[in-house]
Amino acid sequence: MEQIEEEKMNFRFDADVQKLEAERLKKGKTKAEEDLDSLKTDYKKLRLSMRTTGLGKTSEQWRKEIR
């Protein structure tokens, strides 16, 4: 009987550990998604900035502009 109680306690402990691990992974995933969104926003701003300053032009576009 004592062994059964000990096993039950171990199962509860294992379940608690798994819940904490799942929570930690979920927080990590959320952080990664936020970082990705931030990078996408920064990339869009950079591309817009490049277009407005003319840095995004091809060599052909520069040749036409110079002529």
PDB file of N, CA and C in Angstrom:
ATOM      1  N   MET A   1       0.825  -1.189   0.000  1.00  0.00           N
ATOM      2  CA  MET A   1       0.000   0.000   0.000  1.00  0.00           C
ATOM      3  C   MET A   1       0.877   1.263   0.000  1.00  0.00           C
ATOM      4  N   GLU A   2       1.935   1.216   0.791  1.00  0.00           N
ATOM      5  CA  GLU A   2       2.846   2.354   0.863  1.00  0.00           C
ATOM      6  C   GLU A   2       3.509   2.598  -0.489  1.00  0.00           C
ATOM      7  N   GLN A   3       3.806   1.523  -1.196  1.00  0.00           N
ATOM      8  CA  GLN A   3       4.438   1.634  -2.508  1.00  0.00           C
ATOM      9  C   GLN A   3       3.478   2.302  -3.499  1.00  0.00           C
ATOM     10  N   ILE A   4       2.202   1.963  -3.416  1.00  0.00           N
ATOM     11  CA  ILE A   4       1.207   2.567  -4.307  1.00  0.00           C
ATOM     12  C   ILE A   4       1.108   4.068  -4.056  1.00  0.00           C
ATOM     13  N   GLU A   5       1.099   4.461  -2.800  1.00  0.00           N
ATOM     14  CA  GLU A   5       1.042   5.885  -2.456  1.00  0.00           C
ATOM     15  C   GLU A   5       2.280   6.621  -2.978  1.00  0.00           C
ATOM     16  N   GLU A   6       3.418   5.964  -2.854  1.00  0.00           N
ATOM     17  CA  GLU A   6       4.660   6.569  -3.341  1.00  0.00           C
ATOM     18  C   GLU A   6       4.618   6.737  -4.863  1.00  0.00           C
ATOM     19  N   GLU A   7       4.101   5.733  -5.567  1.00  0.00           N
ATOM     20  CA  GLU A   7       3.982   5.812  -7.021  1.00  0.00           C
ATOM     21  C   GLU A   7       3.018   6.922  -7.428  1.00  0.00           C
ATOM     22  N   LYS A   8       1.904   7.050  -6.706  1.00  0.00           N
ATOM     23  CA  LYS A   8       0.946   8.115  -6.998  1.00  0.00           C
ATOM     24  C   LYS A   8       1.602   9.486  -6.841  1.00  0.00           C
ATOM     25  N   MET A   9       2.393   9.623  -5.783  1.00  0.00           N
ATOM     26  CA  MET A   9       3.071  10.889  -5.547  1.00  0.00           C
ATOM     27  C   MET A   9       4.091  11.160  -6.659  1.00  0.00           C
ATOM     28  N   ASN A  10       4.780  10.122  -7.101  1.00  0.00           N
ATOM     29  CA  ASN A  10       5.737  10.286  -8.203  1.00  0.00           C
ATOM     30  C   ASN A  10       5.030  10.692  -9.493  1.00  0.00           C
ATOM     31  N   PHE A  11       3.864  10.104  -9.754  1.00  0.00           N
ATOM     32  CA  PHE A  11       3.096  10.458 -10.950  1.00  0.00           C
ATOM     33  C   PHE A  11       2.651  11.916 -10.888  1.00  0.00           C
ATOM     34  N   ARG A  12       2.218  12.356  -9.721  1.00  0.00           N
ATOM     35  CA  ARG A  12       1.813  13.760  -9.561  1.00  0.00           C
ATOM     36  C   ARG A  12       3.009  14.686  -9.795  1.00  0.00           C
ATOM     37  N   PHE A  13       4.134  14.285  -9.241  1.00  0.00           N
ATOM     38  CA  PHE A  13       5.349  15.080  -9.419  1.00  0.00           C
ATOM     39  C   PHE A  13       5.721  15.160 -10.900  1.00  0.00           C
ATOM     40  N   ASP A  14       5.674  14.014 -11.591  1.00  0.00           N
ATOM     41  CA  ASP A  14       5.986  13.987 -13.021  1.00  0.00           C
ATOM     42  C   ASP A  14       5.025  14.873 -13.808  1.00  0.00           C
ATOM     43  N   ALA A  15       3.743  14.825 -13.450  1.00  0.00           N
ATOM     44  CA  ALA A  15       2.746  15.651 -14.137  1.00  0.00           C
ATOM     45  C   ALA A  15       3.033  17.134 -13.917  1.00  0.00           C
ATOM     46  N   ASP A  16       3.396  17.496 -12.695  1.00  0.00           N
ATOM     47  CA  ASP A  16       3.725  18.896 -12.402  1.00  0.00           C
ATOM     48  C   ASP A  16       4.944  19.355 -13.196  1.00  0.00           C
ATOM     49  N   VAL A  17       5.939  18.502 -13.278  1.00  0.00           N
ATOM     50  CA  VAL A  17       7.149  18.829 -14.035  1.00  0.00           C
ATOM     51  C   VAL A  17       6.801  19.020 -15.511  1.00  0.00           C
ATOM     52  N   GLN A  18       5.970  18.145 -16.054  1.00  0.00           N
ATOM     53  CA  GLN A  18       5.580  18.256 -17.460  1.00  0.00           C
ATOM     54  C   GLN A  18       4.783  19.534 -17.713  1.00  0.00           C
ATOM     55  N   LYS A  19       3.909  19.899 -16.775  1.00  0.00           N
ATOM     56  CA  LYS A  19       3.142  21.143 -16.923  1.00  0.00           C
ATOM     57  C   LYS A  19       4.071  22.349 -16.944  1.00  0.00           C
ATOM     58  N   LEU A  20       5.039  22.359 -16.035  1.00  0.00           N
ATOM     59  CA  LEU A  20       5.986  23.470 -15.992  1.00  0.00           C
ATOM     60  C   LEU A  20       6.818  23.548 -17.270  1.00  0.00           C
ATOM     61  N   GLU A  21       7.228  22.403 -17.761  1.00  0.00           N
ATOM     62  CA  GLU A  21       8.014  22.359 -18.998  1.00  0.00           C
ATOM     63  C   GLU A  21       7.180  22.870 -20.175  1.00  0.00           C
ATOM     64  N   ALA A  22       5.922  22.456 -20.256  1.00  0.00           N
ATOM     65  CA  ALA A  22       5.038  22.918 -21.329  1.00  0.00           C
ATOM     66  C   ALA A  22       4.832  24.429 -21.247  1.00  0.00           C
ATOM     67  N   GLU A  23       4.680  24.936 -20.040  1.00  0.00           N
ATOM     68  CA  GLU A  23       4.515  26.372 -19.829  1.00  0.00           C
ATOM     69  C   GLU A  23       5.754  27.134 -20.291  1.00  0.00           C
ATOM     70  N   ARG A  24       6.912  26.612 -19.937  1.00  0.00           N
ATOM     71  CA  ARG A  24       8.177  27.242 -20.321  1.00  0.00           C
ATOM     72  C   ARG A  24       8.337  27.261 -21.844  1.00  0.00           C
ATOM     73  N   LEU A  25       7.996  26.144 -22.489  1.00  0.00           N
ATOM     74  CA  LEU A  25       8.097  26.073 -23.945  1.00  0.00           C
ATOM     75  C   LEU A  25       7.122  27.038 -24.614  1.00  0.00           C
ATOM     76  N   LYS A  26       5.925  27.149 -24.055  1.00  0.00           N
ATOM     77  CA  LYS A  26       4.923  28.053 -24.621  1.00  0.00           C
ATOM     78  C   LYS A  26       5.397  29.501 -24.528  1.00  0.00           C
ATOM     79  N   LYS A  27       6.001  29.865 -23.391  1.00  0.00           N
ATOM     80  CA  LYS A  27       6.533  31.218 -23.229  1.00  0.00           C
ATOM     81  C   LYS A  27       7.660  31.464 -24.229  1.00  0.00           C
ATOM     82  N   GLY A  28       8.506  30.466 -24.426  1.00  0.00           N
ATOM     83  CA  GLY A  28       9.601  30.595 -25.389  1.00  0.00           C
ATOM     84  C   GLY A  28       9.090  30.765 -26.802  1.00  0.00           C
ATOM     85  N   LYS A  29       8.040  30.028 -27.137  1.00  0.00           N
ATOM     86  CA  LYS A  29       7.449  30.134 -28.472  1.00  0.00           C
ATOM     87  C   LYS A  29       6.855  31.522 -28.671  1.00  0.00           C
ATOM     88  N   THR A  30       6.162  32.015 -27.662  1.00  0.00           N
ATOM     89  CA  THR A  30       5.569  33.346 -27.742  1.00  0.00           C
ATOM     90  C   THR A  30       6.649  34.400 -27.949  1.00  0.00           C
ATOM     91  N   LYS A  31       7.745  34.286 -27.210  1.00  0.00           N
ATOM     92  CA  LYS A  31       8.859  35.235 -27.334  1.00  0.00           C
ATOM     93  C   LYS A  31       9.461  35.166 -28.736  1.00  0.00           C
ATOM     94  N   ALA A  32       9.627  33.964 -29.264  1.00  0.00           N
ATOM     95  CA  ALA A  32      10.189  33.801 -30.607  1.00  0.00           C
ATOM     96  C   ALA A  32       9.268  34.433 -31.654  1.00  0.00           C
ATOM     97  N   GLU A  33       7.955  34.256 -31.491  1.00  0.00           N
ATOM     98  CA  GLU A  33       7.002  34.848 -32.431  1.00  0.00           C
ATOM     99  C   GLU A  33       7.042  36.373 -32.356  1.00  0.00           C
ATOM    100  N   GLU A  34       7.164  36.913 -31.149  1.00  0.00           N
ATOM    101  CA  GLU A  34       7.265  38.366 -30.995  1.00  0.00           C
ATOM    102  C   GLU A  34       8.541  38.888 -31.645  1.00  0.00           C
ATOM    103  N   ASP A  35       9.640  38.176 -31.465  1.00  0.00           N
ATOM    104  CA  ASP A  35      10.910  38.578 -32.077  1.00  0.00           C
ATOM    105  C   ASP A  35      10.815  38.543 -33.602  1.00  0.00           C
ATOM    106  N   LEU A  36      10.158  37.513 -34.134  1.00  0.00           N
ATOM    107  CA  LEU A  36       9.998  37.401 -35.581  1.00  0.00           C
ATOM    108  C   LEU A  36       9.159  38.556 -36.115  1.00  0.00           C
ATOM    109  N   ASP A  37       8.078  38.880 -35.430  1.00  0.00           N
ATOM    110  CA  ASP A  37       7.241  40.005 -35.851  1.00  0.00           C
ATOM    111  C   ASP A  37       8.038  41.308 -35.846  1.00  0.00           C
ATOM    112  N   SER A  38       8.857  41.483 -34.829  1.00  0.00           N
ATOM    113  CA  SER A  38       9.685  42.685 -34.730  1.00  0.00           C
ATOM    114  C   SER A  38      10.687  42.749 -35.886  1.00  0.00           C
ATOM    115  N   LEU A  39      11.295  41.614 -36.206  1.00  0.00           N
ATOM    116  CA  LEU A  39      12.242  41.579 -37.326  1.00  0.00           C
ATOM    117  C   LEU A  39      11.552  41.888 -38.652  1.00  0.00           C
ATOM    118  N   LYS A  40      10.349  41.358 -38.837  1.00  0.00           N
ATOM    119  CA  LYS A  40       9.598  41.639 -40.066  1.00  0.00           C
ATOM    120  C   LYS A  40       9.301  43.127 -40.183  1.00  0.00           C
ATOM    121  N   THR A  41       8.895  43.734 -39.078  1.00  0.00           N
ATOM    122  CA  THR A  41       8.603  45.169 -39.073  1.00  0.00           C
ATOM    123  C   THR A  41       9.857  45.973 -39.395  1.00  0.00           C
ATOM    124  N   ASP A  42      10.970  45.625 -38.769  1.00  0.00           N
ATOM    125  CA  ASP A  42      12.234  46.323 -39.034  1.00  0.00           C
ATOM    126  C   ASP A  42      12.653  46.170 -40.493  1.00  0.00           C
ATOM    127  N   TYR A  43      12.455  44.973 -41.053  1.00  0.00           N
ATOM    128  CA  TYR A  43      12.814  44.727 -42.446  1.00  0.00           C
ATOM    129  C   TYR A  43      11.968  45.593 -43.377  1.00  0.00           C
ATOM    130  N   LYS A  44      10.661  45.677 -43.094  1.00  0.00           N
ATOM    131  CA  LYS A  44       9.783  46.504 -43.927  1.00  0.00           C
ATOM    132  C   LYS A  44      10.199  47.972 -43.867  1.00  0.00           C
ATOM    133  N   LYS A  45      10.545  48.444 -42.670  1.00  0.00           N
ATOM    134  CA  LYS A  45      10.989  49.833 -42.522  1.00  0.00           C
ATOM    135  C   LYS A  45      12.284  50.068 -43.288  1.00  0.00           C
ATOM    136  N   LEU A  46      13.197  49.114 -43.226  1.00  0.00           N
ATOM    137  CA  LEU A  46      14.467  49.230 -43.940  1.00  0.00           C
ATOM    138  C   LEU A  46      14.241  49.282 -45.445  1.00  0.00           C
ATOM    139  N   ARG A  47      13.383  48.399 -45.951  1.00  0.00           N
ATOM    140  CA  ARG A  47      13.101  48.379 -47.392  1.00  0.00           C
ATOM    141  C   ARG A  47      12.472  49.698 -47.839  1.00  0.00           C
ATOM    142  N   LEU A  48      11.542  50.216 -47.040  1.00  0.00           N
ATOM    143  CA  LEU A  48      10.912  51.490 -47.368  1.00  0.00           C
ATOM    144  C   LEU A  48      11.950  52.609 -47.377  1.00  0.00           C
ATOM    145  N   SER A  49      12.817  52.606 -46.393  1.00  0.00           N
ATOM    146  CA  SER A  49      13.873  53.611 -46.309  1.00  0.00           C
ATOM    147  C   SER A  49      14.804  53.519 -47.516  1.00  0.00           C
ATOM    148  N   MET A  50      15.131  52.315 -47.912  1.00  0.00           N
ATOM    149  CA  MET A  50      16.006  52.128 -49.072  1.00  0.00           C
ATOM    150  C   MET A  50      15.335  52.652 -50.340  1.00  0.00           C
ATOM    151  N   ARG A  51      14.027  52.397 -50.466  1.00  0.00           N
ATOM    152  CA  ARG A  51      13.309  52.870 -51.650  1.00  0.00           C
ATOM    153  C   ARG A  51      13.256  54.394 -51.692  1.00  0.00           C
ATOM    154  N   THR A  52      12.990  55.009 -50.550  1.00  0.00           N
ATOM    155  CA  THR A  52      12.856  56.469 -50.535  1.00  0.00           C
ATOM    156  C   THR A  52      14.197  57.169 -50.734  1.00  0.00           C
ATOM    157  N   THR A  53      15.289  56.535 -50.374  1.00  0.00           N
ATOM    158  CA  THR A  53      16.608  57.152 -50.563  1.00  0.00           C
ATOM    159  C   THR A  53      17.261  56.732 -51.870  1.00  0.00           C
ATOM    160  N   GLY A  54      16.663  55.793 -52.574  1.00  0.00           N
ATOM    161  CA  GLY A  54      17.212  55.362 -53.852  1.00  0.00           C
ATOM    162  C   GLY A  54      18.226  54.247 -53.749  1.00  0.00           C
ATOM    163  N   LEU A  55      18.438  53.710 -52.569  1.00  0.00           N
ATOM    164  CA  LEU A  55      19.434  52.645 -52.421  1.00  0.00           C
ATOM    165  C   LEU A  55      18.962  51.318 -52.996  1.00  0.00           C
ATOM    166  N   GLY A  56      17.675  51.191 -53.224  1.00  0.00           N
ATOM    167  CA  GLY A  56      17.143  49.930 -53.716  1.00  0.00           C
ATOM    168  C   GLY A  56      17.119  49.827 -55.231  1.00  0.00           C
ATOM    169  N   LYS A  57      17.731  50.788 -55.912  1.00  0.00           N
ATOM    170  CA  LYS A  57      17.703  50.788 -57.374  1.00  0.00           C
ATOM    171  C   LYS A  57      18.690  49.773 -57.941  1.00  0.00           C
ATOM    172  N   THR A  58      18.316  49.246 -59.091  1.00  0.00           N
ATOM    173  CA  THR A  58      19.224  48.348 -59.802  1.00  0.00           C
ATOM    174  C   THR A  58      20.223  49.196 -60.586  1.00  0.00           C
ATOM    175  N   SER A  59      21.256  48.561 -61.083  1.00  0.00           N
ATOM    176  CA  SER A  59      22.258  49.295 -61.865  1.00  0.00           C
ATOM    177  C   SER A  59      21.625  49.879 -63.130  1.00  0.00           C
ATOM    178  N   GLU A  60      20.664  49.185 -63.709  1.00  0.00           N
ATOM    179  CA  GLU A  60      19.968  49.684 -64.900  1.00  0.00           C
ATOM    180  C   GLU A  60      19.177  50.953 -64.568  1.00  0.00           C
ATOM    181  N   GLN A  61      18.523  50.956 -63.421  1.00  0.00           N
ATOM    182  CA  GLN A  61      17.771  52.145 -63.008  1.00  0.00           C
ATOM    183  C   GLN A  61      18.707  53.328 -62.775  1.00  0.00           C
ATOM    184  N   TRP A  62      19.880  53.084 -62.211  1.00  0.00           N
ATOM    185  CA  TRP A  62      20.849  54.158 -61.996  1.00  0.00           C
ATOM    186  C   TRP A  62      21.343  54.712 -63.336  1.00  0.00           C
ATOM    187  N   ARG A  63      21.598  53.824 -64.304  1.00  0.00           N
ATOM    188  CA  ARG A  63      22.067  54.271 -65.624  1.00  0.00           C
ATOM    189  C   ARG A  63      21.046  55.197 -66.267  1.00  0.00           C
ATOM    190  N   LYS A  64      19.763  54.809 -66.192  1.00  0.00           N
ATOM    191  CA  LYS A  64      18.703  55.637 -66.782  1.00  0.00           C
ATOM    192  C   LYS A  64      18.617  56.988 -66.080  1.00  0.00           C
ATOM    193  N   GLU A  65      18.778  57.001 -64.778  1.00  0.00           N
ATOM    194  CA  GLU A  65      18.676  58.249 -64.021  1.00  0.00           C
ATOM    195  C   GLU A  65      19.844  59.181 -64.336  1.00  0.00           C
ATOM    196  N   ILE A  66      21.016  58.627 -64.536  1.00  0.00           N
ATOM    197  CA  ILE A  66      22.209  59.433 -64.801  1.00  0.00           C
ATOM    198  C   ILE A  66      22.124  60.082 -66.176  1.00  0.00           C
ATOM    199  N   ARG A  67      21.534  59.405 -67.140  1.00  0.00           N
ATOM    200  CA  ARG A  67      21.444  59.923 -68.519  1.00  0.00           C
ATOM    201  C   ARG A  67      20.479  61.011 -68.605  1.00  0.00           C
TER     202      ARG A  67
END
